[in-house]
Amino acid sequence: MTIQGDIDSENRNIIVENKNGKLGQTWDIMYADELPAELKKGDLNEDWGFKIDTSFYIISNLPDGRFLDIIGRNMVIKTRNGLKSQEWYFHQPTRTIRSRKNNQSWDIQNAGRSNNMQVYNTNSGWF
């Protein structure tokens, strides 16, 4: 059994091939009673360092300590104002950081061909 092209992507075909020594032919077996439980709200995802679906703020280390915020889609820093636009959370299924204001994820504008950070509909295509 080989993952076609040895490419690790969602919905990639499995094919039969002669042994080639590549990772696409290596597999682990885990018995169902040994499978760890899925993480849930409030649990710490140790790989990513975030508590799942738990609100947090991101605060600049510049002297005025402004909070990460959004105006429209653009990410900015602003004085603390108590609005949902300054609240963020880690979304476990997509492994993205989302805004509590609109549930959109961090994004680099123009599919990464810009240097402008924004929030956008979640697709986690980079993941």
C-alpha atoms as a PDB file:
ATOM      1  CA  MET A   1       0.000   0.000   0.000  1.00  0.00           C
ATOM      2  CA  THR A   2       1.318   3.407  -0.994  1.00  0.00           C
ATOM      3  CA  ILE A   3      -0.013   6.926  -0.678  1.00  0.00           C
ATOM      4  CA  GLN A   4      -0.007   7.991  -4.324  1.00  0.00           C
ATOM      5  CA  GLY A   5       3.010  10.155  -5.100  1.00  0.00           C
ATOM      6  CA  ASP A   6       4.041  10.077  -1.423  1.00  0.00           C
ATOM      7  CA  ILE A   7       2.120  13.344  -1.076  1.00  0.00           C
ATOM      8  CA  ASP A   8       0.533  14.035   2.296  1.00  0.00           C
ATOM      9  CA  SER A   9      -2.723  15.756   1.337  1.00  0.00           C
ATOM     10  CA  GLU A  10      -6.378  15.285   2.195  1.00  0.00           C
ATOM     11  CA  ASN A  11      -8.247  12.666   0.116  1.00  0.00           C
ATOM     12  CA  ARG A  12      -5.036  11.423  -1.553  1.00  0.00           C
ATOM     13  CA  ASN A  13      -5.464   8.014  -3.246  1.00  0.00           C
ATOM     14  CA  ILE A  14      -3.991   4.795  -1.868  1.00  0.00           C
ATOM     15  CA  ILE A  15      -2.437   2.553  -4.520  1.00  0.00           C
ATOM     16  CA  VAL A  16      -0.525  -0.726  -4.692  1.00  0.00           C
ATOM     17  CA  GLU A  17       3.128  -0.438  -5.655  1.00  0.00           C
ATOM     18  CA  ASN A  18       6.396  -2.339  -5.287  1.00  0.00           C
ATOM     19  CA  LYS A  19       8.312  -1.601  -2.098  1.00  0.00           C
ATOM     20  CA  ASN A  20      10.152   1.703  -2.523  1.00  0.00           C
ATOM     21  CA  GLY A  21      11.312   2.570   1.007  1.00  0.00           C
ATOM     22  CA  LYS A  22       9.502   5.930   1.063  1.00  0.00           C
ATOM     23  CA  LEU A  23       7.313   7.237   3.894  1.00  0.00           C
ATOM     24  CA  GLY A  24       4.167   6.763   1.813  1.00  0.00           C
ATOM     25  CA  GLN A  25       4.543   3.033   2.422  1.00  0.00           C
ATOM     26  CA  THR A  26       5.080   3.219   6.182  1.00  0.00           C
ATOM     27  CA  TRP A  27       2.140   2.847   8.547  1.00  0.00           C
ATOM     28  CA  ASP A  28       1.448   2.496  12.274  1.00  0.00           C
ATOM     29  CA  ILE A  29      -1.240   0.302  13.775  1.00  0.00           C
ATOM     30  CA  MET A  30      -3.044   1.548  16.866  1.00  0.00           C
ATOM     31  CA  TYR A  31      -5.640  -0.578  18.592  1.00  0.00           C
ATOM     32  CA  ALA A  32      -8.972   1.145  19.228  1.00  0.00           C
ATOM     33  CA  ASP A  33      -8.722   0.773  23.007  1.00  0.00           C
ATOM     34  CA  GLU A  34      -5.340   2.576  22.915  1.00  0.00           C
ATOM     35  CA  LEU A  35      -6.510   5.551  20.843  1.00  0.00           C
ATOM     36  CA  PRO A  36      -6.313   8.756  22.912  1.00  0.00           C
ATOM     37  CA  ALA A  37      -9.538  10.657  23.520  1.00  0.00           C
ATOM     38  CA  GLU A  38     -10.314  13.662  21.314  1.00  0.00           C
ATOM     39  CA  LEU A  39      -9.479  16.996  22.905  1.00  0.00           C
ATOM     40  CA  LYS A  40     -12.461  19.123  23.955  1.00  0.00           C
ATOM     41  CA  LYS A  41     -13.163  22.727  24.941  1.00  0.00           C
ATOM     42  CA  GLY A  42     -10.716  23.971  27.555  1.00  0.00           C
ATOM     43  CA  ASP A  43      -8.186  21.148  27.044  1.00  0.00           C
ATOM     44  CA  LEU A  44      -4.635  22.185  26.197  1.00  0.00           C
ATOM     45  CA  ASN A  45      -3.437  21.186  22.740  1.00  0.00           C
ATOM     46  CA  GLU A  46       0.197  20.634  23.696  1.00  0.00           C
ATOM     47  CA  ASP A  47       1.370  20.533  20.065  1.00  0.00           C
ATOM     48  CA  TRP A  48      -0.005  24.013  19.387  1.00  0.00           C
ATOM     49  CA  GLY A  49       0.181  25.499  22.910  1.00  0.00           C
ATOM     50  CA  PHE A  50      -3.428  26.724  23.058  1.00  0.00           C
ATOM     51  CA  LYS A  51      -6.431  25.822  25.171  1.00  0.00           C
ATOM     52  CA  ILE A  52      -9.213  24.721  22.839  1.00  0.00           C
ATOM     53  CA  ASP A  53     -12.116  27.149  22.267  1.00  0.00           C
ATOM     54  CA  THR A  54     -11.017  29.333  25.197  1.00  0.00           C
ATOM     55  CA  SER A  55     -10.963  33.109  24.684  1.00  0.00           C
ATOM     56  CA  PHE A  56      -7.662  34.990  24.891  1.00  0.00           C
ATOM     57  CA  TYR A  57      -6.233  38.410  24.039  1.00  0.00           C
ATOM     58  CA  ILE A  58      -3.026  39.210  22.181  1.00  0.00           C
ATOM     59  CA  ILE A  59      -1.289  42.271  23.587  1.00  0.00           C
ATOM     60  CA  SER A  60       1.552  44.199  21.982  1.00  0.00           C
ATOM     61  CA  ASN A  61       4.813  44.530  23.908  1.00  0.00           C
ATOM     62  CA  LEU A  62       5.123  48.133  22.713  1.00  0.00           C
ATOM     63  CA  PRO A  63       4.933  50.698  25.540  1.00  0.00           C
ATOM     64  CA  ASP A  64       1.151  51.296  25.298  1.00  0.00           C
ATOM     65  CA  GLY A  65       0.288  47.561  25.352  1.00  0.00           C
ATOM     66  CA  ARG A  66      -2.419  47.757  22.697  1.00  0.00           C
ATOM     67  CA  PHE A  67      -4.604  44.738  21.889  1.00  0.00           C
ATOM     68  CA  LEU A  68      -4.764  42.880  18.574  1.00  0.00           C
ATOM     69  CA  ASP A  69      -8.059  43.909  16.979  1.00  0.00           C
ATOM     70  CA  ILE A  70      -9.773  43.949  13.615  1.00  0.00           C
ATOM     71  CA  ILE A  71     -11.209  46.768  11.534  1.00  0.00           C
ATOM     72  CA  GLY A  72     -13.191  45.351   8.652  1.00  0.00           C
ATOM     73  CA  ARG A  73     -10.955  42.419   7.736  1.00  0.00           C
ATOM     74  CA  ASN A  74      -7.634  44.054   8.615  1.00  0.00           C
ATOM     75  CA  MET A  75      -5.733  43.174  11.776  1.00  0.00           C
ATOM     76  CA  VAL A  76      -4.639  46.217  13.788  1.00  0.00           C
ATOM     77  CA  ILE A  77      -3.644  47.144  17.343  1.00  0.00           C
ATOM     78  CA  LYS A  78      -6.005  49.233  19.459  1.00  0.00           C
ATOM     79  CA  THR A  79      -6.429  50.321  23.046  1.00  0.00           C
ATOM     80  CA  ARG A  80      -8.353  47.768  25.106  1.00  0.00           C
ATOM     81  CA  ASN A  81     -12.060  48.319  24.518  1.00  0.00           C
ATOM     82  CA  GLY A  82     -13.841  45.141  25.719  1.00  0.00           C
ATOM     83  CA  LEU A  83     -15.249  44.327  22.271  1.00  0.00           C
ATOM     84  CA  LYS A  84     -15.351  40.825  20.764  1.00  0.00           C
ATOM     85  CA  SER A  85     -13.058  42.070  17.971  1.00  0.00           C
ATOM     86  CA  GLN A  86     -10.206  41.843  20.500  1.00  0.00           C
ATOM     87  CA  GLU A  87     -11.043  38.280  21.607  1.00  0.00           C
ATOM     88  CA  TRP A  88      -9.474  35.266  19.920  1.00  0.00           C
ATOM     89  CA  TYR A  89      -9.690  31.493  20.329  1.00  0.00           C
ATOM     90  CA  PHE A  90      -8.012  28.342  19.030  1.00  0.00           C
ATOM     91  CA  HIS A  91     -10.325  26.221  16.845  1.00  0.00           C
ATOM     92  CA  GLN A  92      -9.226  22.581  17.201  1.00  0.00           C
ATOM     93  CA  PRO A  93     -10.832  21.056  14.061  1.00  0.00           C
ATOM     94  CA  THR A  94      -9.099  23.497  11.697  1.00  0.00           C
ATOM     95  CA  ARG A  95      -6.163  24.327  13.993  1.00  0.00           C
ATOM     96  CA  THR A  96      -6.594  28.022  13.328  1.00  0.00           C
ATOM     97  CA  ILE A  97      -6.905  31.120  15.490  1.00  0.00           C
ATOM     98  CA  ARG A  98     -10.331  32.694  15.083  1.00  0.00           C
ATOM     99  CA  SER A  99     -11.956  35.975  16.044  1.00  0.00           C
ATOM    100  CA  ARG A 100     -14.841  35.879  18.538  1.00  0.00           C
ATOM    101  CA  LYS A 101     -16.412  38.757  16.581  1.00  0.00           C
ATOM    102  CA  ASN A 102     -17.049  36.819  13.366  1.00  0.00           C
ATOM    103  CA  ASN A 103     -15.430  33.361  13.750  1.00  0.00           C
ATOM    104  CA  GLN A 104     -13.048  34.113  10.878  1.00  0.00           C
ATOM    105  CA  SER A 105      -9.437  32.925  10.967  1.00  0.00           C
ATOM    106  CA  TRP A 106      -6.107  34.663  10.598  1.00  0.00           C
ATOM    107  CA  ASP A 107      -5.147  35.009   6.965  1.00  0.00           C
ATOM    108  CA  ILE A 108      -2.448  36.618   4.847  1.00  0.00           C
ATOM    109  CA  GLN A 109      -4.210  38.760   2.265  1.00  0.00           C
ATOM    110  CA  ASN A 110      -4.152  37.746  -1.391  1.00  0.00           C
ATOM    111  CA  ALA A 111      -3.410  34.076  -0.610  1.00  0.00           C
ATOM    112  CA  GLY A 112      -0.042  34.978   0.928  1.00  0.00           C
ATOM    113  CA  ARG A 113       1.121  37.237  -1.889  1.00  0.00           C
ATOM    114  CA  SER A 114       0.792  40.269   0.371  1.00  0.00           C
ATOM    115  CA  ASN A 115       2.212  41.213   3.758  1.00  0.00           C
ATOM    116  CA  ASN A 116      -1.159  42.379   5.135  1.00  0.00           C
ATOM    117  CA  MET A 117      -2.678  40.296   7.933  1.00  0.00           C
ATOM    118  CA  GLN A 118      -6.455  39.986   7.979  1.00  0.00           C
ATOM    119  CA  VAL A 119      -9.247  37.670   9.089  1.00  0.00           C
ATOM    120  CA  TYR A 120     -11.065  35.644   6.474  1.00  0.00           C
ATOM    121  CA  ASN A 121     -13.388  32.668   6.114  1.00  0.00           C
ATOM    122  CA  THR A 122     -11.657  29.602   7.462  1.00  0.00           C
ATOM    123  CA  ASN A 123     -10.329  27.081   4.993  1.00  0.00           C
ATOM    124  CA  SER A 124      -7.072  26.031   6.705  1.00  0.00           C
ATOM    125  CA  GLY A 125      -5.691  25.200   3.275  1.00  0.00           C
ATOM    126  CA  TRP A 126      -2.165  25.987   4.461  1.00  0.00           C
ATOM    127  CA  PHE A 127      -2.408  23.350   7.187  1.00  0.00           C
END
